[in-house]
PDB file of N, CA and C in Angstrom:
ATOM      1  N   MET A   1      91.884  88.947 124.135  1.00  0.00           N
ATOM      2  CA  MET A   1      92.111  89.988 123.204  1.00  0.00           C
ATOM      3  C   MET A   1      92.732  89.555 122.316  1.00  0.00           C
ATOM      4  N   GLY A   2      93.258  88.117 122.236  1.00  0.00           N
ATOM      5  CA  GLY A   2      94.489  87.595 121.460  1.00  0.00           C
ATOM      6  C   GLY A   2      93.043  86.749 120.456  1.00  0.00           C
ATOM      7  N   ILE A   3      91.939  86.583 120.550  1.00  0.00           N
ATOM      8  CA  ILE A   3      90.758  86.178 119.479  1.00  0.00           C
ATOM      9  C   ILE A   3      90.977  87.425 118.129  1.00  0.00           C
ATOM     10  N   VAL A   4      90.856  88.664 118.906  1.00  0.00           N
ATOM     11  CA  VAL A   4      90.410  89.819 118.003  1.00  0.00           C
ATOM     12  C   VAL A   4      91.555  90.393 116.999  1.00  0.00           C
ATOM     13  N   ARG A   5      92.916  89.780 117.854  1.00  0.00           N
ATOM     14  CA  ARG A   5      94.176  89.902 117.059  1.00  0.00           C
ATOM     15  C   ARG A   5      94.334  88.913 116.413  1.00  0.00           C
ATOM     16  N   LEU A   6      94.040  88.149 116.162  1.00  0.00           N
ATOM     17  CA  LEU A   6      94.033  86.585 115.588  1.00  0.00           C
ATOM     18  C   LEU A   6      93.412  86.794 114.515  1.00  0.00           C
ATOM     19  N   PHE A   7      92.151  87.193 114.327  1.00  0.00           N
ATOM     20  CA  PHE A   7      91.073  87.796 113.505  1.00  0.00           C
ATOM     21  C   PHE A   7      91.374  88.530 112.500  1.00  0.00           C
ATOM     22  N   PHE A   8      92.298  89.479 113.149  1.00  0.00           N
ATOM     23  CA  PHE A   8      92.596  90.243 111.907  1.00  0.00           C
ATOM     24  C   PHE A   8      93.862  90.371 111.192  1.00  0.00           C
ATOM     25  N   LEU A   9      94.349  89.271 111.935  1.00  0.00           N
ATOM     26  CA  LEU A   9      95.349  88.650 111.224  1.00  0.00           C
ATOM     27  C   LEU A   9      95.218  87.865 109.951  1.00  0.00           C
ATOM     28  N   LEU A  10      93.972  87.207 110.420  1.00  0.00           N
ATOM     29  CA  LEU A  10      93.131  86.285 108.987  1.00  0.00           C
ATOM     30  C   LEU A  10      92.959  86.883 108.311  1.00  0.00           C
ATOM     31  N   LEU A  11      91.833  88.165 108.862  1.00  0.00           N
ATOM     32  CA  LEU A  11      91.567  88.963 107.515  1.00  0.00           C
ATOM     33  C   LEU A  11      92.793  89.104 106.619  1.00  0.00           C
ATOM     34  N   ALA A  12      93.819  89.870 107.066  1.00  0.00           N
ATOM     35  CA  ALA A  12      94.398  90.677 106.351  1.00  0.00           C
ATOM     36  C   ALA A  12      95.083  89.532 105.715  1.00  0.00           C
ATOM     37  N   ALA A  13      95.304  88.481 105.924  1.00  0.00           N
ATOM     38  CA  ALA A  13      96.377  87.080 105.189  1.00  0.00           C
ATOM     39  C   ALA A  13      94.965  86.884 104.268  1.00  0.00           C
ATOM     40  N   THR A  14      93.764  86.597 104.751  1.00  0.00           N
ATOM     41  CA  THR A  14      92.891  86.374 103.663  1.00  0.00           C
ATOM     42  C   THR A  14      92.646  87.615 102.537  1.00  0.00           C
ATOM     43  N   SER A  15      93.134  88.656 102.727  1.00  0.00           N
ATOM     44  CA  SER A  15      92.581  89.776 101.993  1.00  0.00           C
ATOM     45  C   SER A  15      93.780  89.792 100.795  1.00  0.00           C
ATOM     46  N   MET A  16      95.262  89.011 101.358  1.00  0.00           N
ATOM     47  CA  MET A  16      96.367  89.057 100.506  1.00  0.00           C
ATOM     48  C   MET A  16      96.215  88.014  99.519  1.00  0.00           C
ATOM     49  N   ILE A  17      95.188  87.088 100.141  1.00  0.00           N
ATOM     50  CA  ILE A  17      95.087  86.053  98.995  1.00  0.00           C
ATOM     51  C   ILE A  17      94.146  86.123  97.751  1.00  0.00           C
ATOM     52  N   PHE A  18      93.350  86.931  98.202  1.00  0.00           N
ATOM     53  CA  PHE A  18      92.292  87.588  97.370  1.00  0.00           C
ATOM     54  C   PHE A  18      92.886  88.855  96.123  1.00  0.00           C
ATOM     55  N   LEU A  19      94.059  89.365  96.705  1.00  0.00           N
ATOM     56  CA  LEU A  19      94.477  90.538  95.975  1.00  0.00           C
ATOM     57  C   LEU A  19      95.539  89.487  94.768  1.00  0.00           C
ATOM     58  N   LEU A  20      96.385  88.293  95.293  1.00  0.00           N
ATOM     59  CA  LEU A  20      96.884  87.352  94.601  1.00  0.00           C
ATOM     60  C   LEU A  20      96.252  86.880  93.369  1.00  0.00           C
ATOM     61  N   ILE A  21      94.737  86.802  93.929  1.00  0.00           N
ATOM     62  CA  ILE A  21      94.095  86.146  92.799  1.00  0.00           C
ATOM     63  C   ILE A  21      93.670  86.841  91.641  1.00  0.00           C
ATOM     64  N   GLY A  22      93.301  88.477  92.624  1.00  0.00           N
ATOM     65  CA  GLY A  22      92.387  89.323  91.697  1.00  0.00           C
ATOM     66  C   GLY A  22      93.466  89.658  90.860  1.00  0.00           C
ATOM     67  N   LEU A  23      94.731  89.679  90.920  1.00  0.00           N
ATOM     68  CA  LEU A  23      96.234  89.920  89.909  1.00  0.00           C
ATOM     69  C   LEU A  23      96.193  89.141  88.911  1.00  0.00           C
ATOM     70  N   PHE A  24      95.767  88.106  88.803  1.00  0.00           N
ATOM     71  CA  PHE A  24      95.343  87.158  87.730  1.00  0.00           C
ATOM     72  C   PHE A  24      94.071  87.266  86.901  1.00  0.00           C
ATOM     73  N   ARG A  25      93.390  87.278  87.835  1.00  0.00           N
ATOM     74  CA  ARG A  25      91.746  87.358  87.454  1.00  0.00           C
ATOM     75  C   ARG A  25      90.977  88.432  88.000  1.00  0.00           C
ATOM     76  N   PRO A  26      91.287  89.944  87.502  1.00  0.00           N
ATOM     77  CA  PRO A  26      90.112  90.750  88.418  1.00  0.00           C
ATOM     78  C   PRO A  26      88.747  90.712  88.457  1.00  0.00           C
ATOM     79  N   TRP A  27      88.065  89.786  87.434  1.00  0.00           N
ATOM     80  CA  TRP A  27      86.778  89.690  87.235  1.00  0.00           C
ATOM     81  C   TRP A  27      86.264  88.637  88.440  1.00  0.00           C
ATOM     82  N   SER A  28      86.798  87.805  88.853  1.00  0.00           N
ATOM     83  CA  SER A  28      86.527  86.656  90.257  1.00  0.00           C
ATOM     84  C   SER A  28      86.790  87.430  91.290  1.00  0.00           C
ATOM     85  N   MET A  29      87.463  88.507  91.367  1.00  0.00           N
ATOM     86  CA  MET A  29      87.246  89.211  93.031  1.00  0.00           C
ATOM     87  C   MET A  29      86.407  90.646  92.628  1.00  0.00           C
ATOM     88  N   LEU A  30      86.515  91.005  91.583  1.00  0.00           N
ATOM     89  CA  LEU A  30      85.434  92.079  91.632  1.00  0.00           C
ATOM     90  C   LEU A  30      84.404  91.876  90.508  1.00  0.00           C
ATOM     91  N   TRP A  31      83.477  90.538  90.965  1.00  0.00           N
ATOM     92  CA  TRP A  31      82.215  90.481  90.131  1.00  0.00           C
ATOM     93  C   TRP A  31      81.260  91.682  90.238  1.00  0.00           C
ATOM     94  N   TRP A  32      81.235  92.276  91.095  1.00  0.00           N
ATOM     95  CA  TRP A  32      80.208  93.196  91.246  1.00  0.00           C
ATOM     96  C   TRP A  32      80.689  94.450  91.023  1.00  0.00           C
ATOM     97  N   GLU A  33      81.447  95.062  90.348  1.00  0.00           N
ATOM     98  CA  GLU A  33      81.485  96.272  89.755  1.00  0.00           C
ATOM     99  C   GLU A  33      81.645  96.051  88.343  1.00  0.00           C
ATOM    100  N   ASP A  34      81.177  97.494  88.091  1.00  0.00           N
ATOM    101  CA  ASP A  34      81.086  97.840  86.211  1.00  0.00           C
ATOM    102  C   ASP A  34      82.704  97.494  85.896  1.00  0.00           C
ATOM    103  N   ILE A  35      83.700  97.427  86.299  1.00  0.00           N
ATOM    104  CA  ILE A  35      84.406  97.714  85.242  1.00  0.00           C
ATOM    105  C   ILE A  35      85.813  97.044  86.407  1.00  0.00           C
ATOM    106  N   GLN A  36      86.313  95.875  85.859  1.00  0.00           N
ATOM    107  CA  GLN A  36      87.217  94.906  86.889  1.00  0.00           C
ATOM    108  C   GLN A  36      88.680  94.961  86.265  1.00  0.00           C
ATOM    109  N   ASN A  37      89.345  96.075  87.128  1.00  0.00           N
ATOM    110  CA  ASN A  37      90.898  96.029  86.593  1.00  0.00           C
ATOM    111  C   ASN A  37      92.004  95.817  87.669  1.00  0.00           C
ATOM    112  N   ARG A  38      93.312  95.476  88.015  1.00  0.00           N
ATOM    113  CA  ARG A  38      94.047  95.063  88.736  1.00  0.00           C
ATOM    114  C   ARG A  38      94.192  96.416  89.704  1.00  0.00           C
ATOM    115  N   ARG A  39      94.208  97.719  89.088  1.00  0.00           N
ATOM    116  CA  ARG A  39      94.334  98.970  89.445  1.00  0.00           C
ATOM    117  C   ARG A  39      93.055  99.079  90.777  1.00  0.00           C
ATOM    118  N   LYS A  40      91.966  98.295  90.364  1.00  0.00           N
ATOM    119  CA  LYS A  40      90.935  98.266  91.351  1.00  0.00           C
ATOM    120  C   LYS A  40      91.606  97.503  92.137  1.00  0.00           C
ATOM    121  N   VAL A  41      91.736  96.452  92.300  1.00  0.00           N
ATOM    122  CA  VAL A  41      91.685  95.047  92.775  1.00  0.00           C
ATOM    123  C   VAL A  41      93.347  95.211  93.940  1.00  0.00           C
ATOM    124  N   ILE A  42      93.856  96.258  93.710  1.00  0.00           N
ATOM    125  CA  ILE A  42      94.948  96.528  93.906  1.00  0.00           C
ATOM    126  C   ILE A  42      94.566  97.637  94.977  1.00  0.00           C
ATOM    127  N   LYS A  43      93.643  98.490  95.302  1.00  0.00           N
ATOM    128  CA  LYS A  43      92.891  99.246  95.616  1.00  0.00           C
ATOM    129  C   LYS A  43      92.036  98.837  96.529  1.00  0.00           C
ATOM    130  N   VAL A  44      91.468  97.749  96.220  1.00  0.00           N
ATOM    131  CA  VAL A  44      90.329  97.643  97.349  1.00  0.00           C
ATOM    132  C   VAL A  44      90.629  96.472  98.517  1.00  0.00           C
ATOM    133  N   TYR A  45      91.365  95.352  97.676  1.00  0.00           N
ATOM    134  CA  TYR A  45      92.129  94.373  98.482  1.00  0.00           C
ATOM    135  C   TYR A  45      93.516  94.650  99.473  1.00  0.00           C
ATOM    136  N   GLY A  46      94.145  95.354  98.803  1.00  0.00           N
ATOM    137  CA  GLY A  46      95.105  95.856  99.353  1.00  0.00           C
ATOM    138  C   GLY A  46      95.125  96.841 100.849  1.00  0.00           C
ATOM    139  N   THR A  47      94.080  97.827 100.223  1.00  0.00           N
ATOM    140  CA  THR A  47      93.560  98.357 101.205  1.00  0.00           C
ATOM    141  C   THR A  47      92.971  98.074 102.890  1.00  0.00           C
ATOM    142  N   VAL A  48      92.467  96.924 102.357  1.00  0.00           N
ATOM    143  CA  VAL A  48      91.634  96.209 103.498  1.00  0.00           C
ATOM    144  C   VAL A  48      93.077  95.241 103.860  1.00  0.00           C
ATOM    145  N   ALA A  49      94.076  94.474 103.194  1.00  0.00           N
ATOM    146  CA  ALA A  49      94.938  94.300 103.688  1.00  0.00           C
ATOM    147  C   ALA A  49      95.967  94.813 105.015  1.00  0.00           C
ATOM    148  N   VAL A  50      96.177  96.247 104.443  1.00  0.00           N
ATOM    149  CA  VAL A  50      97.446  96.691 104.977  1.00  0.00           C
ATOM    150  C   VAL A  50      96.678  97.210 106.078  1.00  0.00           C
ATOM    151  N   LEU A  51      95.178  97.512 105.918  1.00  0.00           N
ATOM    152  CA  LEU A  51      94.670  98.616 107.251  1.00  0.00           C
ATOM    153  C   LEU A  51      94.661  97.536 108.185  1.00  0.00           C
ATOM    154  N   CYS A  52      93.970  96.303 108.175  1.00  0.00           N
ATOM    155  CA  CYS A  52      94.130  94.787 108.878  1.00  0.00           C
ATOM    156  C   CYS A  52      94.941  94.659 109.783  1.00  0.00           C
ATOM    157  N   TYR A  53      96.322  94.545 108.935  1.00  0.00           N
ATOM    158  CA  TYR A  53      97.473  94.213 109.913  1.00  0.00           C
ATOM    159  C   TYR A  53      98.549  95.578 110.664  1.00  0.00           C
ATOM    160  N   ALA A  54      97.715  96.274 109.879  1.00  0.00           N
ATOM    161  CA  ALA A  54      97.982  97.612 110.868  1.00  0.00           C
ATOM    162  C   ALA A  54      97.245  97.676 112.278  1.00  0.00           C
ATOM    163  N   VAL A  55      95.509  97.102 111.895  1.00  0.00           N
ATOM    164  CA  VAL A  55      94.909  97.175 113.583  1.00  0.00           C
ATOM    165  C   VAL A  55      96.007  95.706 114.304  1.00  0.00           C
ATOM    166  N   TYR A  56      96.450  95.015 113.526  1.00  0.00           N
ATOM    167  CA  TYR A  56      96.764  93.290 114.266  1.00  0.00           C
ATOM    168  C   TYR A  56      97.674  94.022 115.029  1.00  0.00           C
ATOM    169  N   TRP A  57      98.784  94.704 114.474  1.00  0.00           N
ATOM    170  CA  TRP A  57     100.203  94.878 114.952  1.00  0.00           C
ATOM    171  C   TRP A  57      99.784  96.494 116.584  1.00  0.00           C
ATOM    172  N   ALA A  58      99.035  97.108 116.140  1.00  0.00           N
ATOM    173  CA  ALA A  58      98.359  97.903 117.243  1.00  0.00           C
ATOM    174  C   ALA A  58      97.631  97.510 118.226  1.00  0.00           C
ATOM    175  N   LEU A  59      96.928  96.487 117.921  1.00  0.00           N
ATOM    176  CA  LEU A  59      96.354  95.462 119.297  1.00  0.00           C
ATOM    177  C   LEU A  59      97.781  95.091 120.016  1.00  0.00           C
ATOM    178  N   TYR A  60      98.806  94.337 119.164  1.00  0.00           N
ATOM    179  CA  TYR A  60      99.823  94.149 120.037  1.00  0.00           C
ATOM    180  C   TYR A  60     100.453  95.086 120.862  1.00  0.00           C
ATOM    181  N   PHE A  61     100.789  96.429 120.579  1.00  0.00           N
ATOM    182  CA  PHE A  61     101.308  97.257 120.998  1.00  0.00           C
ATOM    183  C   PHE A  61     100.682  97.954 122.106  1.00  0.00           C
ATOM    184  N   PHE A  62      99.458  97.644 121.734  1.00  0.00           N
ATOM    185  CA  PHE A  62      98.337  99.214 122.559  1.00  0.00           C
ATOM    186  C   PHE A  62      97.286  98.045 123.614  1.00  0.00           C
ATOM    187  N   GLY A  63      97.021  96.776 123.178  1.00  0.00           N
ATOM    188  CA  GLY A  63      96.164  96.193 123.558  1.00  0.00           C
ATOM    189  C   GLY A  63      96.837  95.332 124.731  1.00  0.00           C
TER     190      GLY A  63
END
């Protein structure tokens, strides 16, 4: 179970790094989208970061 928790923590950290990169250069993180803006970067990578971090803590308490 520890490996799964570590995976979700690393996934959350990676998406936070991608979020920071996307705030400076949205095109580099959303190259597949038609419109690349900072709001969409926050929506995509911020959601992934928050969800992965929540799963990490849920596995800590309930796992």
